[in-house]
Amino acid sequence: MLTRKQHELLLFIDSYLGQTGFSPSFDEMKDALGLKSKSGIHRLISALEERGFIQRRHNRARALEVLRLPEPAQLSPAASPNSLNVIKGDFSQRLAGVKTGEAAASMSLPLYGRIAAGLPIEALHDHSEQVEVPMALLGQGEHYALEVAGDSMIEAGILDGDTVIIRREDNAESGQIVVALIDDAEVTLKRLRKKGNTVALEAANSAYETRIVPAERLKIQGRLVGLLRTYH
């Protein structure tokens, strides 16, 4: 049976390997789990290796291999796969780490519908649904939530079915991930690149092409500030 920290570390290593092709450093693992020293990471890795979840290649640096992920029965109650995990950050390069949501304070945000992380889809405006979001994810300003549909942002750590937290803004800097409304009809979640009188909407998946649109046809509806994921 895995403890919560063992489960968190295993998921972080697996996600990091999938995005970079190599394992995270001890400092990165320490920061992702919120530990104060690397000795705790050493103990967690040894425990995962003893239980057959990971393997260390001792002749190479930063060479951890995930052999398998746990079944629900192998998790302690605190590490249940149906527990909600929170990912916070600017998502500028890759998924920074998975942190368990432990904040007691939360607030309800409107869940407007599904946003395409693939081909743009028509914007939904169903205000009847709400989602509870830890206050730690929210800063100043107005926020709302959208459910992700598609896989075009997977290399930024944003998966199909995730719930993204959006700060409502009408402007953004190049390189930020935004909710973009095109021709007042289509909405999509993409990385923004400003190029003169045009705007490039970049996917984080090599299977998708960058979409270029005239700047006057696009409205920024908000900027990505956080993400919620439920493990099933």
Foldseek 3Di string as FASTA:
>chain_A
DDEQLLQQLLVFQVLVCVQPVFGDDLVLSCVQAVHDDSVVVVVSVVVCVVVPQWDDDVVDPRHIGGPDHDDQVPYDPVNGLQAKWKFFDQLLFAGSGIYHDDAPDWDKAFAQEEAELADWDFGGGDRPDIDIDHCVLDDDAHKHKYAYADDQAVSSVHHHGKIFIWGFDFDDDQRFWFWKQFQVTTTHTFGWDDDPQKIWGHTSHVVDDIDIDGPVRITTGTTTGIIMDRGD
